[in-house]
N, C-alpha and C. Protein backbone atom coordinates (compact mmCIF):
# COMPACT_ATOMS: atom_id res chain seq x y z
N MET A 1 14.00 178.03 118.74
CA MET A 1 14.90 177.12 118.10
C MET A 1 14.07 176.38 117.00
N LYS A 2 14.54 176.19 115.74
CA LYS A 2 13.87 175.51 114.77
C LYS A 2 13.77 174.05 115.05
N LYS A 3 12.65 173.48 114.82
CA LYS A 3 12.35 172.09 115.05
C LYS A 3 13.08 171.16 114.05
N LEU A 4 13.64 170.07 114.52
CA LEU A 4 14.22 169.08 113.59
C LEU A 4 13.18 168.40 112.78
N SER A 5 13.58 168.14 111.49
CA SER A 5 12.58 167.36 110.68
C SER A 5 12.56 165.94 111.10
N TYR A 6 11.39 165.24 110.91
CA TYR A 6 11.24 163.87 111.32
C TYR A 6 11.82 162.92 110.16
N LEU A 7 12.59 161.99 110.53
CA LEU A 7 13.41 161.16 109.56
C LEU A 7 12.56 159.84 109.45
N ASN A 8 11.78 159.74 108.33
CA ASN A 8 10.90 158.56 108.21
C ASN A 8 11.63 157.32 107.94
N HIS A 9 12.79 157.45 107.31
CA HIS A 9 13.66 156.24 106.95
C HIS A 9 14.24 155.52 108.27
N ILE A 10 14.29 156.34 109.32
CA ILE A 10 14.72 155.81 110.66
C ILE A 10 13.66 154.76 111.06
N ASP A 11 12.34 155.02 110.84
CA ASP A 11 11.41 154.11 111.30
C ASP A 11 11.57 152.78 110.47
N SER A 12 11.92 152.81 109.23
CA SER A 12 12.20 151.55 108.50
C SER A 12 13.35 150.82 109.13
N LEU A 13 14.43 151.44 109.55
CA LEU A 13 15.50 150.75 110.15
C LEU A 13 15.03 150.18 111.55
N ARG A 14 14.22 150.94 112.28
CA ARG A 14 13.66 150.36 113.51
C ARG A 14 12.85 149.08 113.29
N ALA A 15 12.05 149.16 112.24
CA ALA A 15 11.18 147.95 111.92
C ALA A 15 12.04 146.76 111.57
N ILE A 16 13.09 146.99 110.76
CA ILE A 16 13.97 145.91 110.45
C ILE A 16 14.63 145.40 111.72
N ALA A 17 15.08 146.23 112.58
CA ALA A 17 15.75 145.83 113.84
C ALA A 17 14.77 144.98 114.71
N VAL A 18 13.55 145.42 114.78
CA VAL A 18 12.55 144.79 115.62
C VAL A 18 12.35 143.32 114.99
N LEU A 19 12.19 143.26 113.75
CA LEU A 19 11.85 141.92 113.07
C LEU A 19 13.13 141.04 113.28
N LEU A 20 14.30 141.55 113.13
CA LEU A 20 15.50 140.77 113.38
C LEU A 20 15.46 140.13 114.74
N VAL A 21 15.14 140.89 115.86
CA VAL A 21 15.13 140.44 117.20
C VAL A 21 13.90 139.45 117.43
N ILE A 22 12.75 139.73 116.82
CA ILE A 22 11.63 138.79 117.02
C ILE A 22 11.93 137.46 116.29
N PHE A 23 12.49 137.48 115.09
CA PHE A 23 12.77 136.27 114.39
C PHE A 23 13.85 135.46 115.09
N TYR A 24 14.78 136.17 115.69
CA TYR A 24 15.96 135.59 116.47
C TYR A 24 15.28 134.81 117.69
N HIS A 25 14.35 135.47 118.38
CA HIS A 25 13.72 134.76 119.49
C HIS A 25 12.83 133.68 119.17
N LEU A 26 12.27 133.70 117.91
CA LEU A 26 11.46 132.64 117.47
C LEU A 26 12.26 131.45 117.08
N ASP A 27 13.60 131.59 117.06
CA ASP A 27 14.49 130.51 116.69
C ASP A 27 14.46 130.07 115.35
N ILE A 28 14.30 131.04 114.40
CA ILE A 28 14.20 130.85 112.99
C ILE A 28 15.62 130.73 112.51
N ASP A 29 15.99 129.56 111.84
CA ASP A 29 17.36 129.33 111.39
C ASP A 29 17.97 130.43 110.53
N ALA A 30 17.21 131.03 109.68
CA ALA A 30 17.69 132.07 108.74
C ALA A 30 18.05 133.37 109.60
N PHE A 31 17.65 133.48 110.81
CA PHE A 31 17.87 134.77 111.55
C PHE A 31 18.71 134.50 112.88
N LYS A 32 19.69 133.55 112.76
CA LYS A 32 20.52 133.32 113.91
C LYS A 32 21.31 134.52 114.41
N GLY A 33 21.49 135.43 113.49
CA GLY A 33 22.30 136.64 113.87
C GLY A 33 21.34 137.88 114.18
N GLY A 34 20.03 137.49 114.48
CA GLY A 34 19.06 138.53 114.64
C GLY A 34 19.32 139.43 115.93
N PHE A 35 20.16 138.98 116.77
CA PHE A 35 20.52 139.77 117.98
C PHE A 35 21.15 141.12 117.50
N ILE A 36 21.61 141.17 116.25
CA ILE A 36 22.23 142.44 115.73
C ILE A 36 21.18 143.55 115.71
N GLY A 37 19.89 143.19 115.73
CA GLY A 37 18.86 144.22 115.80
C GLY A 37 18.95 145.06 117.02
N VAL A 38 19.49 144.54 118.16
CA VAL A 38 19.69 145.38 119.39
C VAL A 38 20.80 146.46 119.10
N ASP A 39 21.89 145.93 118.42
CA ASP A 39 22.97 146.80 118.10
C ASP A 39 22.49 147.94 117.19
N VAL A 40 21.55 147.63 116.26
CA VAL A 40 21.00 148.63 115.33
C VAL A 40 20.33 149.68 116.20
N PHE A 41 19.47 149.24 117.10
CA PHE A 41 18.82 150.25 117.96
C PHE A 41 19.75 151.16 118.75
N PHE A 42 20.88 150.63 119.24
CA PHE A 42 21.88 151.47 119.88
C PHE A 42 22.44 152.45 118.89
N VAL A 43 22.74 151.93 117.66
CA VAL A 43 23.31 152.93 116.67
C VAL A 43 22.37 154.07 116.31
N ILE A 44 21.06 153.59 116.13
CA ILE A 44 19.99 154.64 115.79
C ILE A 44 19.89 155.65 117.06
N SER A 45 19.85 155.12 118.25
CA SER A 45 19.80 156.07 119.38
C SER A 45 20.98 157.06 119.33
N GLY A 46 22.08 156.49 119.10
CA GLY A 46 23.36 157.39 119.12
C GLY A 46 23.27 158.46 118.13
N PHE A 47 22.79 157.95 117.00
CA PHE A 47 22.71 158.99 115.84
C PHE A 47 21.65 160.07 116.16
N LEU A 48 20.52 159.69 116.67
CA LEU A 48 19.50 160.65 116.92
C LEU A 48 19.83 161.58 118.10
N ILE A 49 20.62 161.04 119.08
CA ILE A 49 20.95 161.94 120.20
C ILE A 49 22.02 162.88 119.71
N THR A 50 22.96 162.41 118.80
CA THR A 50 24.00 163.29 118.34
C THR A 50 23.35 164.38 117.48
N ARG A 51 22.35 163.97 116.71
CA ARG A 51 21.73 165.01 115.88
C ARG A 51 20.97 166.03 116.65
N ILE A 52 20.30 165.63 117.79
CA ILE A 52 19.63 166.65 118.68
C ILE A 52 20.63 167.55 119.23
N ILE A 53 21.75 167.04 119.80
CA ILE A 53 22.81 167.95 120.46
C ILE A 53 23.50 168.75 119.39
N ASN A 54 23.78 168.20 118.26
CA ASN A 54 24.43 169.02 117.21
C ASN A 54 23.60 170.18 116.77
N HIS A 55 22.20 169.89 116.67
CA HIS A 55 21.29 170.91 116.26
C HIS A 55 21.27 172.04 117.25
N GLU A 56 21.18 171.70 118.49
CA GLU A 56 21.08 172.81 119.53
C GLU A 56 22.39 173.56 119.53
N PHE A 57 23.53 172.88 119.31
CA PHE A 57 24.85 173.63 119.31
C PHE A 57 24.92 174.54 118.07
N LEU A 58 24.38 174.06 116.93
CA LEU A 58 24.46 175.03 115.76
C LEU A 58 23.46 176.20 115.90
N GLU A 59 22.32 175.97 116.56
CA GLU A 59 21.31 176.94 116.77
C GLU A 59 21.73 177.98 117.78
N LYS A 60 22.29 177.54 118.99
CA LYS A 60 22.53 178.36 120.13
C LYS A 60 24.00 178.64 120.35
N GLY A 61 24.81 177.83 119.74
CA GLY A 61 26.30 178.00 120.00
C GLY A 61 26.69 177.28 121.31
N THR A 62 25.83 176.67 122.02
CA THR A 62 26.18 176.03 123.22
C THR A 62 25.09 174.83 123.38
N VAL A 63 25.48 173.88 124.35
CA VAL A 63 24.61 172.76 124.58
C VAL A 63 24.38 172.70 126.03
N SER A 64 23.13 172.59 126.49
CA SER A 64 22.72 172.42 127.82
C SER A 64 22.36 170.97 128.02
N LEU A 65 23.30 170.16 128.70
CA LEU A 65 22.94 168.84 128.89
C LEU A 65 21.84 168.68 129.95
N LYS A 66 21.74 169.61 130.89
CA LYS A 66 20.65 169.59 131.74
C LYS A 66 19.33 169.65 131.05
N THR A 67 19.21 170.64 130.12
CA THR A 67 17.87 170.73 129.36
C THR A 67 17.70 169.45 128.57
N PHE A 68 18.79 168.98 127.91
CA PHE A 68 18.61 167.76 127.14
C PHE A 68 17.97 166.61 127.90
N TYR A 69 18.56 166.37 129.10
CA TYR A 69 18.09 165.24 129.98
C TYR A 69 16.81 165.55 130.56
N ILE A 70 16.44 166.77 130.84
CA ILE A 70 15.05 167.09 131.34
C ILE A 70 14.08 166.78 130.22
N ARG A 71 14.31 167.04 128.92
CA ARG A 71 13.43 166.73 127.90
C ARG A 71 13.38 165.24 127.72
N ARG A 72 14.48 164.46 127.84
CA ARG A 72 14.29 163.00 127.69
C ARG A 72 13.53 162.46 128.88
N ILE A 73 13.72 163.00 130.05
CA ILE A 73 12.90 162.40 131.18
C ILE A 73 11.49 162.72 131.01
N ARG A 74 11.12 163.84 130.62
CA ARG A 74 9.71 164.20 130.34
C ARG A 74 9.05 163.43 129.30
N ARG A 75 9.84 162.94 128.35
CA ARG A 75 9.30 162.17 127.31
C ARG A 75 9.18 160.57 127.83
N LEU A 76 10.13 160.12 128.57
CA LEU A 76 10.11 158.76 128.93
C LEU A 76 9.35 158.37 130.08
N ILE A 77 9.15 159.29 131.02
CA ILE A 77 8.54 158.96 132.37
C ILE A 77 7.06 158.58 132.18
N PRO A 78 6.25 159.19 131.43
CA PRO A 78 4.82 158.77 131.20
C PRO A 78 4.71 157.32 130.78
N THR A 79 5.57 156.93 129.83
CA THR A 79 5.56 155.51 129.28
C THR A 79 6.03 154.52 130.35
N LEU A 80 7.07 155.11 131.12
CA LEU A 80 7.55 154.16 132.18
C LEU A 80 6.53 153.87 133.23
N PHE A 81 5.79 154.90 133.70
CA PHE A 81 4.75 154.72 134.64
C PHE A 81 3.57 153.85 134.05
N LEU A 82 3.26 154.03 132.81
CA LEU A 82 2.22 153.13 132.25
C LEU A 82 2.66 151.67 132.32
N THR A 83 3.96 151.47 131.99
CA THR A 83 4.44 150.17 131.96
C THR A 83 4.44 149.57 133.34
N PHE A 84 4.79 150.31 134.32
CA PHE A 84 4.79 149.86 135.82
C PHE A 84 3.35 149.52 136.18
N ILE A 85 2.37 150.36 135.87
CA ILE A 85 1.02 150.09 136.21
C ILE A 85 0.47 148.86 135.52
N PHE A 86 0.78 148.74 134.20
CA PHE A 86 0.35 147.57 133.39
C PHE A 86 0.94 146.27 134.10
N THR A 87 2.27 146.37 134.37
CA THR A 87 2.91 145.07 134.95
C THR A 87 2.31 144.77 136.33
N PHE A 88 2.11 145.80 137.08
CA PHE A 88 1.56 145.62 138.47
C PHE A 88 0.15 144.97 138.35
N LEU A 89 -0.70 145.31 137.49
CA LEU A 89 -2.03 144.82 137.30
C LEU A 89 -2.06 143.42 136.54
N ALA A 90 -1.09 143.29 135.63
CA ALA A 90 -1.18 142.05 134.92
C ALA A 90 -0.47 140.83 135.55
N PHE A 91 0.35 141.03 136.43
CA PHE A 91 1.05 139.84 137.05
C PHE A 91 0.70 139.72 138.62
N SER A 92 0.78 138.51 138.96
CA SER A 92 0.50 138.23 140.42
C SER A 92 1.69 138.28 141.22
N PRO A 93 1.65 138.42 142.59
CA PRO A 93 2.78 138.45 143.40
C PRO A 93 3.72 137.28 143.22
N SER A 94 3.13 136.08 142.94
CA SER A 94 4.07 134.95 142.77
C SER A 94 4.81 135.15 141.43
N ASP A 95 4.32 135.75 140.43
CA ASP A 95 5.04 136.01 139.20
C ASP A 95 6.18 136.84 139.55
N PHE A 96 5.97 138.02 140.35
CA PHE A 96 7.08 138.80 140.78
C PHE A 96 8.18 138.04 141.52
N MET A 97 7.70 137.19 142.42
CA MET A 97 8.71 136.42 143.24
C MET A 97 9.53 135.47 142.33
N ASN A 98 8.83 134.82 141.37
CA ASN A 98 9.51 133.99 140.44
C ASN A 98 10.52 134.71 139.52
N ALA A 99 10.20 135.95 139.20
CA ALA A 99 11.09 136.77 138.37
C ALA A 99 12.31 137.12 139.26
N ALA A 100 11.95 137.53 140.42
CA ALA A 100 13.00 137.93 141.38
C ALA A 100 14.10 136.73 141.63
N LYS A 101 13.54 135.58 141.78
CA LYS A 101 14.40 134.39 142.01
C LYS A 101 15.16 134.04 140.81
N SER A 102 14.57 134.20 139.57
CA SER A 102 15.27 134.03 138.30
C SER A 102 16.43 135.02 138.17
N MET A 103 16.15 136.28 138.47
CA MET A 103 17.23 137.30 138.35
C MET A 103 18.34 137.04 139.27
N PHE A 104 18.01 136.59 140.51
CA PHE A 104 19.03 136.34 141.54
C PHE A 104 19.94 135.21 141.08
N MET A 105 19.27 134.09 140.61
CA MET A 105 19.98 132.82 140.20
C MET A 105 20.80 133.08 138.97
N SER A 106 20.39 134.06 138.11
CA SER A 106 21.17 134.22 136.86
C SER A 106 22.30 135.29 136.97
N SER A 107 22.40 135.79 138.22
CA SER A 107 23.49 136.81 138.36
C SER A 107 24.65 136.31 139.06
């Protein structure tokens, strides 16, 4: 199957979305609507997922969702494990307890 080309302009949209969210969390008055950056990420994700599935359909005439999800899992699991390891090493047990209490109280 022919590989999809990389879309550099998507990185620009991601950067704008990240900055919107960061400035929103910094409580900068000009960026009160910065939470829209999260929506931009969802739109980008939907576009890229649709592009991948459409490409497979055009190349093969069929789409294997099983293969699609296996590829996603193989791509995401290493980063997920690194994040777990970093979190485990960086935070104390009391930090985890405080986070758990916060989550419980906010739900």
